[in-house]
Amino acid sequence: MLNPRHISCLSYCFLFFICPFILLIRYILNAIYMKLDRRKRLLNITQRRQLTGKRPGLA
């Protein structure tokens, strides 16, 4: 069996290495999603502009 000191060491390793790694992955995925969403929004604005022939603020 694992002794409690080993378990606490594992939990500390998890906290110090895996949690920032997960946060970094979430940050990168969020940035990629924001970029794709912005591109999609720009495409929607240009399509709307072509459909209405006006600026998106007036439409």
PDB file of N, CA and C in Angstrom:
ATOM      1  N   MET A   1       0.836  -1.215   0.000  1.00  0.00           N
ATOM      2  CA  MET A   1       0.000   0.000   0.000  1.00  0.00           C
ATOM      3  C   MET A   1       0.869   1.263   0.000  1.00  0.00           C
ATOM      4  N   LEU A   2       0.292   2.345  -0.452  1.00  0.00           N
ATOM      5  CA  LEU A   2       1.009   3.613  -0.447  1.00  0.00           C
ATOM      6  C   LEU A   2       0.905   4.252   0.931  1.00  0.00           C
ATOM      7  N   ASN A   3       2.039   4.762   1.402  1.00  0.00           N
ATOM      8  CA  ASN A   3       1.974   5.446   2.692  1.00  0.00           C
ATOM      9  C   ASN A   3       1.418   6.855   2.496  1.00  0.00           C
ATOM     10  N   PRO A   4       0.870   7.468   3.541  1.00  0.00           N
ATOM     11  CA  PRO A   4       0.216   8.786   3.392  1.00  0.00           C
ATOM     12  C   PRO A   4       1.162   9.859   2.859  1.00  0.00           C
ATOM     13  N   ARG A   5       2.452   9.766   3.204  1.00  0.00           N
ATOM     14  CA  ARG A   5       3.393  10.773   2.719  1.00  0.00           C
ATOM     15  C   ARG A   5       3.484  10.697   1.194  1.00  0.00           C
ATOM     16  N   HIS A   6       3.469   9.493   0.657  1.00  0.00           N
ATOM     17  CA  HIS A   6       3.539   9.320  -0.790  1.00  0.00           C
ATOM     18  C   HIS A   6       2.279   9.886  -1.444  1.00  0.00           C
ATOM     19  N   ILE A   7       1.130   9.656  -0.821  1.00  0.00           N
ATOM     20  CA  ILE A   7      -0.127  10.166  -1.366  1.00  0.00           C
ATOM     21  C   ILE A   7      -0.114  11.695  -1.374  1.00  0.00           C
ATOM     22  N   SER A   8       0.362  12.312  -0.289  1.00  0.00           N
ATOM     23  CA  SER A   8       0.410  13.774  -0.237  1.00  0.00           C
ATOM     24  C   SER A   8       1.384  14.304  -1.282  1.00  0.00           C
ATOM     25  N   CYS A   9       2.499  13.589  -1.503  1.00  0.00           N
ATOM     26  CA  CYS A   9       3.457  14.005  -2.527  1.00  0.00           C
ATOM     27  C   CYS A   9       2.801  13.948  -3.906  1.00  0.00           C
ATOM     28  N   LEU A  10       2.033  12.888  -4.143  1.00  0.00           N
ATOM     29  CA  LEU A  10       1.343  12.775  -5.426  1.00  0.00           C
ATOM     30  C   LEU A  10       0.327  13.899  -5.606  1.00  0.00           C
ATOM     31  N   SER A  11      -0.389  14.222  -4.530  1.00  0.00           N
ATOM     32  CA  SER A  11      -1.378  15.292  -4.644  1.00  0.00           C
ATOM     33  C   SER A  11      -0.691  16.627  -4.900  1.00  0.00           C
ATOM     34  N   TYR A  12       0.473  16.845  -4.241  1.00  0.00           N
ATOM     35  CA  TYR A  12       1.209  18.081  -4.503  1.00  0.00           C
ATOM     36  C   TYR A  12       1.714  18.117  -5.941  1.00  0.00           C
ATOM     37  N   CYS A  13       2.211  16.988  -6.432  1.00  0.00           N
ATOM     38  CA  CYS A  13       2.664  16.933  -7.819  1.00  0.00           C
ATOM     39  C   CYS A  13       1.502  17.229  -8.754  1.00  0.00           C
ATOM     40  N   PHE A  14       0.326  16.682  -8.439  1.00  0.00           N
ATOM     41  CA  PHE A  14      -0.856  16.933  -9.260  1.00  0.00           C
ATOM     42  C   PHE A  14      -1.193  18.420  -9.259  1.00  0.00           C
ATOM     43  N   LEU A  15      -1.167  19.017  -8.049  1.00  0.00           N
ATOM     44  CA  LEU A  15      -1.528  20.428  -7.949  1.00  0.00           C
ATOM     45  C   LEU A  15      -0.540  21.304  -8.698  1.00  0.00           C
ATOM     46  N   PHE A  16       0.746  21.005  -8.570  1.00  0.00           N
ATOM     47  CA  PHE A  16       1.752  21.931  -9.098  1.00  0.00           C
ATOM     48  C   PHE A  16       2.048  21.715 -10.573  1.00  0.00           C
ATOM     49  N   PHE A  17       1.779  20.522 -11.099  1.00  0.00           N
ATOM     50  CA  PHE A  17       2.142  20.270 -12.493  1.00  0.00           C
ATOM     51  C   PHE A  17       0.927  20.101 -13.398  1.00  0.00           C
ATOM     52  N   ILE A  18      -0.054  19.337 -12.962  1.00  0.00           N
ATOM     53  CA  ILE A  18      -1.150  18.998 -13.865  1.00  0.00           C
ATOM     54  C   ILE A  18      -2.187  20.112 -13.910  1.00  0.00           C
ATOM     55  N   CYS A  19      -2.441  20.762 -12.775  1.00  0.00           N
ATOM     56  CA  CYS A  19      -3.453  21.825 -12.772  1.00  0.00           C
ATOM     57  C   CYS A  19      -3.051  23.007 -13.652  1.00  0.00           C
ATOM     58  N   PRO A  20      -1.815  23.539 -13.562  1.00  0.00           N
ATOM     59  CA  PRO A  20      -1.441  24.605 -14.496  1.00  0.00           C
ATOM     60  C   PRO A  20      -1.451  24.139 -15.937  1.00  0.00           C
ATOM     61  N   PHE A  21      -1.111  22.865 -16.166  1.00  0.00           N
ATOM     62  CA  PHE A  21      -1.145  22.323 -17.519  1.00  0.00           C
ATOM     63  C   PHE A  21      -2.572  22.343 -18.060  1.00  0.00           C
ATOM     64  N   ILE A  22      -3.537  21.935 -17.228  1.00  0.00           N
ATOM     65  CA  ILE A  22      -4.940  21.941 -17.644  1.00  0.00           C
ATOM     66  C   ILE A  22      -5.412  23.367 -17.894  1.00  0.00           C
ATOM     67  N   LEU A  23      -5.003  24.303 -17.007  1.00  0.00           N
ATOM     68  CA  LEU A  23      -5.379  25.699 -17.203  1.00  0.00           C
ATOM     69  C   LEU A  23      -4.795  26.239 -18.494  1.00  0.00           C
ATOM     70  N   LEU A  24      -3.541  25.847 -18.797  1.00  0.00           N
ATOM     71  CA  LEU A  24      -2.908  26.306 -20.033  1.00  0.00           C
ATOM     72  C   LEU A  24      -3.651  25.762 -21.247  1.00  0.00           C
ATOM     73  N   ILE A  25      -4.037  24.484 -21.201  1.00  0.00           N
ATOM     74  CA  ILE A  25      -4.773  23.885 -22.316  1.00  0.00           C
ATOM     75  C   ILE A  25      -6.110  24.601 -22.496  1.00  0.00           C
ATOM     76  N   ARG A  26      -6.789  24.888 -21.376  1.00  0.00           N
ATOM     77  CA  ARG A  26      -8.075  25.586 -21.478  1.00  0.00           C
ATOM     78  C   ARG A  26      -7.891  26.984 -22.046  1.00  0.00           C
ATOM     79  N   TYR A  27      -6.795  27.655 -21.641  1.00  0.00           N
ATOM     80  CA  TYR A  27      -6.538  29.005 -22.153  1.00  0.00           C
ATOM     81  C   TYR A  27      -6.287  28.973 -23.653  1.00  0.00           C
ATOM     82  N   ILE A  28      -5.484  27.981 -24.108  1.00  0.00           N
ATOM     83  CA  ILE A  28      -5.171  27.872 -25.540  1.00  0.00           C
ATOM     84  C   ILE A  28      -6.443  27.552 -26.329  1.00  0.00           C
ATOM     85  N   LEU A  29      -7.240  26.609 -25.827  1.00  0.00           N
ATOM     86  CA  LEU A  29      -8.479  26.253 -26.520  1.00  0.00           C
ATOM     87  C   LEU A  29      -9.430  27.441 -26.565  1.00  0.00           C
ATOM     88  N   ASN A  30      -9.476  28.210 -25.472  1.00  0.00           N
ATOM     89  CA  ASN A  30     -10.347  29.380 -25.444  1.00  0.00           C
ATOM     90  C   ASN A  30      -9.887  30.422 -26.457  1.00  0.00           C
ATOM     91  N   ALA A  31      -8.571  30.596 -26.570  1.00  0.00           N
ATOM     92  CA  ALA A  31      -8.043  31.568 -27.536  1.00  0.00           C
ATOM     93  C   ALA A  31      -8.363  31.125 -28.964  1.00  0.00           C
ATOM     94  N   ILE A  32      -8.191  29.830 -29.243  1.00  0.00           N
ATOM     95  CA  ILE A  32      -8.503  29.320 -30.582  1.00  0.00           C
ATOM     96  C   ILE A  32      -9.987  29.489 -30.879  1.00  0.00           C
ATOM     97  N   TYR A  33     -10.833  29.182 -29.888  1.00  0.00           N
ATOM     98  CA  TYR A  33     -12.275  29.312 -30.085  1.00  0.00           C
ATOM     99  C   TYR A  33     -12.669  30.764 -30.316  1.00  0.00           C
ATOM    100  N   MET A  34     -12.030  31.685 -29.565  1.00  0.00           N
ATOM    101  CA  MET A  34     -12.320  33.106 -29.747  1.00  0.00           C
ATOM    102  C   MET A  34     -11.935  33.548 -31.153  1.00  0.00           C
ATOM    103  N   LYS A  35     -10.782  33.066 -31.624  1.00  0.00           N
ATOM    104  CA  LYS A  35     -10.324  33.460 -32.967  1.00  0.00           C
ATOM    105  C   LYS A  35     -11.299  32.933 -34.021  1.00  0.00           C
ATOM    106  N   LEU A  36     -11.703  31.674 -33.891  1.00  0.00           N
ATOM    107  CA  LEU A  36     -12.643  31.110 -34.851  1.00  0.00           C
ATOM    108  C   LEU A  36     -13.986  31.823 -34.770  1.00  0.00           C
ATOM    109  N   ASP A  37     -14.426  32.147 -33.547  1.00  0.00           N
ATOM    110  CA  ASP A  37     -15.714  32.811 -33.381  1.00  0.00           C
ATOM    111  C   ASP A  37     -15.660  34.207 -33.988  1.00  0.00           C
ATOM    112  N   ARG A  38     -14.521  34.896 -33.802  1.00  0.00           N
ATOM    113  CA  ARG A  38     -14.399  36.232 -34.375  1.00  0.00           C
ATOM    114  C   ARG A  38     -14.416  36.159 -35.893  1.00  0.00           C
ATOM    115  N   ARG A  39     -13.723  35.153 -36.453  1.00  0.00           N
ATOM    116  CA  ARG A  39     -13.711  34.999 -37.909  1.00  0.00           C
ATOM    117  C   ARG A  39     -15.115  34.698 -38.412  1.00  0.00           C
ATOM    118  N   LYS A  40     -15.835  33.850 -37.693  1.00  0.00           N
ATOM    119  CA  LYS A  40     -17.205  33.504 -38.095  1.00  0.00           C
ATOM    120  C   LYS A  40     -18.100  34.734 -38.010  1.00  0.00           C
ATOM    121  N   ARG A  41     -17.889  35.547 -36.961  1.00  0.00           N
ATOM    122  CA  ARG A  41     -18.696  36.751 -36.808  1.00  0.00           C
ATOM    123  C   ARG A  41     -18.405  37.725 -37.935  1.00  0.00           C
ATOM    124  N   LEU A  42     -17.116  37.853 -38.301  1.00  0.00           N
ATOM    125  CA  LEU A  42     -16.763  38.725 -39.423  1.00  0.00           C
ATOM    126  C   LEU A  42     -17.406  38.234 -40.710  1.00  0.00           C
ATOM    127  N   LEU A  43     -17.408  36.914 -40.914  1.00  0.00           N
ATOM    128  CA  LEU A  43     -18.045  36.360 -42.108  1.00  0.00           C
ATOM    129  C   LEU A  43     -19.540  36.665 -42.098  1.00  0.00           C
ATOM    130  N   ASN A  44     -20.166  36.524 -40.927  1.00  0.00           N
ATOM    131  CA  ASN A  44     -21.592  36.828 -40.837  1.00  0.00           C
ATOM    132  C   ASN A  44     -21.859  38.295 -41.145  1.00  0.00           C
ATOM    133  N   ILE A  45     -20.984  39.178 -40.649  1.00  0.00           N
ATOM    134  CA  ILE A  45     -21.179  40.612 -40.897  1.00  0.00           C
ATOM    135  C   ILE A  45     -21.039  40.907 -42.385  1.00  0.00           C
ATOM    136  N   THR A  46     -20.030  40.308 -43.029  1.00  0.00           N
ATOM    137  CA  THR A  46     -19.848  40.570 -44.461  1.00  0.00           C
ATOM    138  C   THR A  46     -21.018  39.995 -45.257  1.00  0.00           C
ATOM    139  N   GLN A  47     -21.509  38.823 -44.879  1.00  0.00           N
ATOM    140  CA  GLN A  47     -22.662  38.251 -45.582  1.00  0.00           C
ATOM    141  C   GLN A  47     -23.893  39.119 -45.391  1.00  0.00           C
ATOM    142  N   ARG A  48     -24.091  39.624 -44.175  1.00  0.00           N
ATOM    143  CA  ARG A  48     -25.223  40.495 -43.920  1.00  0.00           C
ATOM    144  C   ARG A  48     -25.110  41.779 -44.730  1.00  0.00           C
ATOM    145  N   ARG A  49     -23.871  42.287 -44.816  1.00  0.00           N
ATOM    146  CA  ARG A  49     -23.656  43.517 -45.576  1.00  0.00           C
ATOM    147  C   ARG A  49     -23.976  43.286 -47.050  1.00  0.00           C
ATOM    148  N   GLN A  50     -23.598  42.106 -47.561  1.00  0.00           N
ATOM    149  CA  GLN A  50     -23.891  41.807 -48.965  1.00  0.00           C
ATOM    150  C   GLN A  50     -25.400  41.641 -49.174  1.00  0.00           C
ATOM    151  N   LEU A  51     -26.089  41.054 -48.191  1.00  0.00           N
ATOM    152  CA  LEU A  51     -27.523  40.836 -48.347  1.00  0.00           C
ATOM    153  C   LEU A  51     -28.289  42.147 -48.273  1.00  0.00           C
ATOM    154  N   THR A  52     -27.956  42.977 -47.283  1.00  0.00           N
ATOM    155  CA  THR A  52     -28.757  44.185 -47.086  1.00  0.00           C
ATOM    156  C   THR A  52     -28.208  45.353 -47.895  1.00  0.00           C
ATOM    157  N   GLY A  53     -26.889  45.362 -48.150  1.00  0.00           N
ATOM    158  CA  GLY A  53     -26.290  46.484 -48.843  1.00  0.00           C
ATOM    159  C   GLY A  53     -26.075  47.676 -47.932  1.00  0.00           C
ATOM    160  N   LYS A  54     -26.194  47.461 -46.613  1.00  0.00           N
ATOM    161  CA  LYS A  54     -25.989  48.538 -45.645  1.00  0.00           C
ATOM    162  C   LYS A  54     -24.921  48.113 -44.646  1.00  0.00           C
ATOM    163  N   ARG A  55     -24.561  49.030 -43.779  1.00  0.00           N
ATOM    164  CA  ARG A  55     -23.616  48.694 -42.709  1.00  0.00           C
ATOM    165  C   ARG A  55     -24.331  47.829 -41.681  1.00  0.00           C
ATOM    166  N   PRO A  56     -23.581  46.927 -40.994  1.00  0.00           N
ATOM    167  CA  PRO A  56     -24.233  46.042 -40.014  1.00  0.00           C
ATOM    168  C   PRO A  56     -24.842  46.811 -38.844  1.00  0.00           C
ATOM    169  N   GLY A  57     -24.315  48.032 -38.538  1.00  0.00           N
ATOM    170  CA  GLY A  57     -24.892  48.800 -37.450  1.00  0.00           C
ATOM    171  C   GLY A  57     -26.287  49.303 -37.790  1.00  0.00           C
ATOM    172  N   LEU A  58     -26.516  49.644 -39.069  1.00  0.00           N
ATOM    173  CA  LEU A  58     -27.822  50.148 -39.492  1.00  0.00           C
ATOM    174  C   LEU A  58     -28.812  49.013 -39.721  1.00  0.00           C
ATOM    175  N   ALA A  59     -28.292  47.834 -40.061  1.00  0.00           N
ATOM    176  CA  ALA A  59     -29.172  46.700 -40.282  1.00  0.00           C
ATOM    177  C   ALA A  59     -29.539  46.079 -38.945  1.00  0.00           C
TER     178      ALA A  59
END
